[in-house]
Structures are given as structure tokens and as C-alpha cells.
Amino acid sequence: MPYYKTYWVYIITNRPNGTLYIGVTNNLNRRISEHSSGVGGLFSARYNLKRLVYFETFRDVRVAIAREKQLKRWHRQWKINLIESINPDWKDLML
């Protein structure tokens, strides 16, 4: 049986409709833990971004990175609509 790596594109925030951060990782639990503890990056630490509100999974890192870049170019309202399409209450998906 072949082994496949999994990659995630994710969106975190500090509150519903708050500041949004989009990232890509090969270990979602570890990466969200890093953001939560303040070592996940300067931007997420500065804005206290800890709530995972959206994610997508990929088997190819190149596709995941392309999707991350695509989402980062989107208008804010498109990102909000995407989040609310699967998470209308902006619940923390890591809980």
C-alpha cells in the first residue's frame, strides 16, 4: 500500500469576522498548536490568531501551495463566504 503525505491549507482567526491568516502545513495539529502558543509566526502572534475556522486537505504539496496563494489573493468577503459555507458559526475546528 503506498504512503501518501497529507497537506492542509488552513484559515485561522481571533474571532468571528476578525483578522484572517491563511497558511499551508504538513501537520495541522502541530501548526495550530504553534499558533496557539505564540510561536507560529509574527503575524499570528501579533493578532492573537488561534481559532481554526477552515481547512482543506491535499495530497500534493504543489497543489496545496497553489491553493494557499489563490486564497490569499481573494477579496475578504470571498474568504468569509468560504469559511461560512462549512463553518457558519465560526467554531474552532480544533476543539
N, C-alpha and C. Protein backbone atom coordinates (compact mmCIF):
# COMPACT_ATOMS: atom_id res chain seq x y z
N MET A 1 0.84 -1.18 0.00
CA MET A 1 0.00 0.00 0.00
C MET A 1 0.89 1.24 0.00
N PRO A 2 0.67 2.17 -0.94
CA PRO A 2 1.52 3.36 -1.00
C PRO A 2 1.24 4.31 0.16
N TYR A 3 2.27 5.03 0.53
CA TYR A 3 2.17 6.02 1.61
C TYR A 3 1.96 7.40 0.98
N TYR A 4 0.96 8.09 1.45
CA TYR A 4 0.69 9.44 0.96
C TYR A 4 0.83 10.43 2.10
N LYS A 5 1.52 11.52 1.82
CA LYS A 5 1.55 12.62 2.78
C LYS A 5 0.29 13.44 2.60
N THR A 6 -0.10 14.11 3.64
CA THR A 6 -1.25 15.00 3.58
C THR A 6 -0.78 16.40 3.91
N TYR A 7 -1.33 17.35 3.17
CA TYR A 7 -1.03 18.76 3.38
C TYR A 7 -2.35 19.49 3.60
N TRP A 8 -2.31 20.53 4.38
CA TRP A 8 -3.51 21.30 4.70
C TRP A 8 -3.29 22.76 4.35
N VAL A 9 -4.30 23.36 3.77
CA VAL A 9 -4.40 24.81 3.68
C VAL A 9 -5.44 25.19 4.73
N TYR A 10 -5.11 26.16 5.55
CA TYR A 10 -5.99 26.46 6.69
C TYR A 10 -6.16 27.97 6.85
N ILE A 11 -7.25 28.31 7.53
CA ILE A 11 -7.50 29.71 7.88
C ILE A 11 -7.73 29.78 9.38
N ILE A 12 -7.00 30.68 10.04
CA ILE A 12 -7.19 30.91 11.47
C ILE A 12 -7.61 32.37 11.67
N THR A 13 -8.23 32.62 12.80
CA THR A 13 -8.69 33.96 13.14
C THR A 13 -8.65 34.15 14.64
N ASN A 14 -8.96 35.35 15.09
CA ASN A 14 -9.01 35.63 16.53
C ASN A 14 -10.44 35.72 17.03
N ARG A 15 -11.39 35.92 16.12
CA ARG A 15 -12.81 35.98 16.48
C ARG A 15 -13.61 35.94 15.19
N PRO A 16 -14.91 35.66 15.27
CA PRO A 16 -15.72 35.67 14.03
C PRO A 16 -15.58 37.00 13.30
N ASN A 17 -15.33 36.90 12.02
CA ASN A 17 -15.14 38.07 11.15
C ASN A 17 -13.96 38.93 11.56
N GLY A 18 -13.01 38.37 12.29
CA GLY A 18 -11.81 39.11 12.69
C GLY A 18 -10.71 39.00 11.65
N THR A 19 -9.50 39.23 12.08
CA THR A 19 -8.34 39.12 11.22
C THR A 19 -8.19 37.68 10.74
N LEU A 20 -7.86 37.49 9.47
CA LEU A 20 -7.70 36.16 8.90
C LEU A 20 -6.25 35.91 8.53
N TYR A 21 -5.80 34.68 8.76
CA TYR A 21 -4.47 34.25 8.34
C TYR A 21 -4.64 32.95 7.57
N ILE A 22 -4.01 32.85 6.41
CA ILE A 22 -4.07 31.65 5.59
C ILE A 22 -2.68 31.05 5.53
N GLY A 23 -2.58 29.75 5.78
CA GLY A 23 -1.29 29.08 5.74
C GLY A 23 -1.41 27.69 5.15
N VAL A 24 -0.26 27.04 4.98
CA VAL A 24 -0.18 25.67 4.49
C VAL A 24 0.78 24.91 5.39
N THR A 25 0.48 23.65 5.66
CA THR A 25 1.31 22.84 6.55
C THR A 25 1.19 21.37 6.20
N ASN A 26 2.15 20.58 6.68
CA ASN A 26 2.04 19.13 6.53
C ASN A 26 1.65 18.47 7.85
N ASN A 27 1.41 19.27 8.88
CA ASN A 27 0.98 18.75 10.18
C ASN A 27 0.07 19.79 10.83
N LEU A 28 -1.22 19.65 10.61
CA LEU A 28 -2.16 20.66 11.04
C LEU A 28 -2.20 20.80 12.57
N ASN A 29 -2.22 19.69 13.28
CA ASN A 29 -2.26 19.76 14.76
C ASN A 29 -1.06 20.52 15.31
N ARG A 30 0.13 20.18 14.84
CA ARG A 30 1.35 20.85 15.31
C ARG A 30 1.31 22.34 14.97
N ARG A 31 0.92 22.66 13.74
CA ARG A 31 0.95 24.05 13.31
C ARG A 31 -0.04 24.91 14.09
N ILE A 32 -1.24 24.40 14.33
CA ILE A 32 -2.22 25.16 15.10
C ILE A 32 -1.75 25.29 16.55
N SER A 33 -1.10 24.26 17.07
CA SER A 33 -0.53 24.33 18.41
C SER A 33 0.54 25.43 18.48
N GLU A 34 1.35 25.52 17.43
CA GLU A 34 2.36 26.57 17.39
C GLU A 34 1.71 27.96 17.38
N HIS A 35 0.70 28.12 16.56
CA HIS A 35 -0.01 29.41 16.54
C HIS A 35 -0.60 29.71 17.92
N SER A 36 -1.19 28.72 18.54
CA SER A 36 -1.84 28.91 19.85
C SER A 36 -0.86 29.29 20.94
N SER A 37 0.36 28.78 20.84
CA SER A 37 1.35 29.08 21.86
C SER A 37 2.17 30.33 21.54
N GLY A 38 1.86 30.97 20.41
CA GLY A 38 2.54 32.21 20.07
C GLY A 38 3.83 32.06 19.32
N VAL A 39 4.18 30.83 18.91
CA VAL A 39 5.41 30.63 18.16
C VAL A 39 5.13 30.29 16.70
N GLY A 40 3.91 30.51 16.26
CA GLY A 40 3.51 30.15 14.90
C GLY A 40 3.85 31.19 13.86
N GLY A 41 4.38 32.29 14.27
CA GLY A 41 4.73 33.34 13.33
C GLY A 41 4.40 34.70 13.93
N LEU A 42 5.05 35.71 13.44
CA LEU A 42 4.88 37.06 13.98
C LEU A 42 3.47 37.59 13.76
N PHE A 43 2.93 37.40 12.56
CA PHE A 43 1.60 37.93 12.26
C PHE A 43 0.54 37.30 13.15
N SER A 44 0.55 35.98 13.25
CA SER A 44 -0.47 35.30 14.06
C SER A 44 -0.31 35.62 15.54
N ALA A 45 0.92 35.78 16.01
CA ALA A 45 1.15 36.13 17.41
C ALA A 45 0.69 37.57 17.68
N ARG A 46 0.99 38.45 16.75
CA ARG A 46 0.63 39.87 16.94
C ARG A 46 -0.88 40.06 17.06
N TYR A 47 -1.64 39.30 16.27
CA TYR A 47 -3.09 39.45 16.26
C TYR A 47 -3.82 38.37 17.05
N ASN A 48 -3.05 37.56 17.79
CA ASN A 48 -3.63 36.53 18.65
C ASN A 48 -4.55 35.58 17.87
N LEU A 49 -4.06 35.10 16.74
CA LEU A 49 -4.83 34.23 15.86
C LEU A 49 -4.65 32.78 16.30
N LYS A 50 -5.71 32.20 16.84
CA LYS A 50 -5.62 30.84 17.40
C LYS A 50 -6.78 29.95 16.98
N ARG A 51 -7.84 30.52 16.44
CA ARG A 51 -9.05 29.75 16.15
C ARG A 51 -9.02 29.24 14.70
N LEU A 52 -8.95 27.91 14.54
CA LEU A 52 -9.00 27.29 13.22
C LEU A 52 -10.45 27.29 12.75
N VAL A 53 -10.73 27.99 11.65
CA VAL A 53 -12.11 28.08 11.18
C VAL A 53 -12.33 27.43 9.82
N TYR A 54 -11.25 27.05 9.13
CA TYR A 54 -11.40 26.44 7.81
C TYR A 54 -10.13 25.67 7.47
N PHE A 55 -10.30 24.55 6.77
CA PHE A 55 -9.14 23.85 6.21
C PHE A 55 -9.55 22.99 5.04
N GLU A 56 -8.59 22.72 4.19
CA GLU A 56 -8.74 21.81 3.05
C GLU A 56 -7.54 20.88 3.08
N THR A 57 -7.71 19.65 2.60
CA THR A 57 -6.61 18.68 2.56
C THR A 57 -6.19 18.42 1.13
N PHE A 58 -4.91 18.12 0.97
CA PHE A 58 -4.31 17.86 -0.35
C PHE A 58 -3.28 16.75 -0.24
N ARG A 59 -3.06 16.04 -1.32
CA ARG A 59 -2.02 15.00 -1.39
C ARG A 59 -0.74 15.52 -2.03
N ASP A 60 -0.84 16.62 -2.75
CA ASP A 60 0.31 17.18 -3.48
C ASP A 60 0.63 18.55 -2.90
N VAL A 61 1.84 18.72 -2.39
CA VAL A 61 2.22 19.98 -1.76
C VAL A 61 2.14 21.14 -2.75
N ARG A 62 2.43 20.89 -4.02
CA ARG A 62 2.38 21.96 -5.02
C ARG A 62 0.96 22.47 -5.21
N VAL A 63 0.00 21.57 -5.17
CA VAL A 63 -1.41 21.96 -5.29
C VAL A 63 -1.84 22.73 -4.05
N ALA A 64 -1.38 22.28 -2.88
CA ALA A 64 -1.71 22.98 -1.63
C ALA A 64 -1.15 24.40 -1.63
N ILE A 65 0.07 24.56 -2.06
CA ILE A 65 0.69 25.89 -2.09
C ILE A 65 -0.02 26.78 -3.11
N ALA A 66 -0.39 26.22 -4.24
CA ALA A 66 -1.13 27.00 -5.25
C ALA A 66 -2.48 27.46 -4.69
N ARG A 67 -3.15 26.57 -3.94
CA ARG A 67 -4.44 26.94 -3.35
C ARG A 67 -4.25 28.03 -2.28
N GLU A 68 -3.21 27.91 -1.46
CA GLU A 68 -2.92 28.94 -0.46
C GLU A 68 -2.73 30.30 -1.14
N LYS A 69 -1.94 30.33 -2.18
CA LYS A 69 -1.69 31.58 -2.90
C LYS A 69 -2.98 32.13 -3.51
N GLN A 70 -3.81 31.23 -4.05
CA GLN A 70 -5.09 31.65 -4.62
C GLN A 70 -5.96 32.31 -3.56
N LEU A 71 -6.10 31.65 -2.41
CA LEU A 71 -6.94 32.19 -1.34
C LEU A 71 -6.42 33.52 -0.83
N LYS A 72 -5.12 33.67 -0.75
CA LYS A 72 -4.54 34.93 -0.27
C LYS A 72 -4.84 36.10 -1.21
N ARG A 73 -5.08 35.80 -2.49
CA ARG A 73 -5.41 36.85 -3.46
C ARG A 73 -6.90 37.21 -3.45
N TRP A 74 -7.71 36.38 -2.81
CA TRP A 74 -9.16 36.61 -2.80
C TRP A 74 -9.52 37.85 -2.00
N HIS A 75 -10.66 38.43 -2.36
CA HIS A 75 -11.25 39.51 -1.57
C HIS A 75 -11.67 38.95 -0.21
N ARG A 76 -11.66 39.77 0.78
CA ARG A 76 -12.03 39.35 2.14
C ARG A 76 -13.41 38.69 2.18
N GLN A 77 -14.39 39.28 1.51
CA GLN A 77 -15.74 38.71 1.56
C GLN A 77 -15.80 37.32 0.96
N TRP A 78 -15.00 37.04 -0.05
CA TRP A 78 -14.95 35.69 -0.64
C TRP A 78 -14.43 34.70 0.40
N LYS A 79 -13.43 35.13 1.17
CA LYS A 79 -12.87 34.26 2.22
C LYS A 79 -13.92 34.00 3.29
N ILE A 80 -14.63 35.04 3.68
CA ILE A 80 -15.69 34.89 4.69
C ILE A 80 -16.76 33.93 4.18
N ASN A 81 -17.16 34.09 2.92
CA ASN A 81 -18.16 33.19 2.33
C ASN A 81 -17.67 31.75 2.32
N LEU A 82 -16.40 31.54 2.02
CA LEU A 82 -15.82 30.20 2.01
C LEU A 82 -15.88 29.59 3.41
N ILE A 83 -15.46 30.33 4.41
CA ILE A 83 -15.50 29.86 5.80
C ILE A 83 -16.93 29.51 6.19
N GLU A 84 -17.84 30.42 5.93
CA GLU A 84 -19.23 30.22 6.35
C GLU A 84 -19.94 29.13 5.57
N SER A 85 -19.40 28.71 4.42
CA SER A 85 -20.01 27.62 3.65
C SER A 85 -19.87 26.29 4.39
N ILE A 86 -18.85 26.16 5.24
CA ILE A 86 -18.68 24.91 6.00
C ILE A 86 -18.71 25.14 7.51
N ASN A 87 -18.56 26.39 7.94
CA ASN A 87 -18.49 26.70 9.36
C ASN A 87 -19.22 28.01 9.64
N PRO A 88 -20.55 28.01 9.50
CA PRO A 88 -21.30 29.27 9.61
C PRO A 88 -21.21 29.95 10.97
N ASP A 89 -20.92 29.19 12.03
CA ASP A 89 -20.82 29.77 13.36
C ASP A 89 -19.38 30.12 13.75
N TRP A 90 -18.45 29.95 12.84
CA TRP A 90 -17.04 30.25 13.08
C TRP A 90 -16.51 29.50 14.30
N LYS A 91 -16.92 28.26 14.49
CA LYS A 91 -16.44 27.45 15.61
C LYS A 91 -14.98 27.08 15.40
N ASP A 92 -14.27 26.89 16.48
CA ASP A 92 -12.89 26.43 16.42
C ASP A 92 -12.91 24.96 16.04
N LEU A 93 -12.38 24.62 14.87
CA LEU A 93 -12.44 23.25 14.37
C LEU A 93 -11.43 22.32 15.04
N MET A 94 -10.54 22.88 15.86
CA MET A 94 -9.57 22.04 16.58
C MET A 94 -10.13 21.56 17.92
N LEU A 95 -11.25 22.07 18.35
CA LEU A 95 -11.81 21.66 19.64
C LEU A 95 -12.63 20.40 19.50
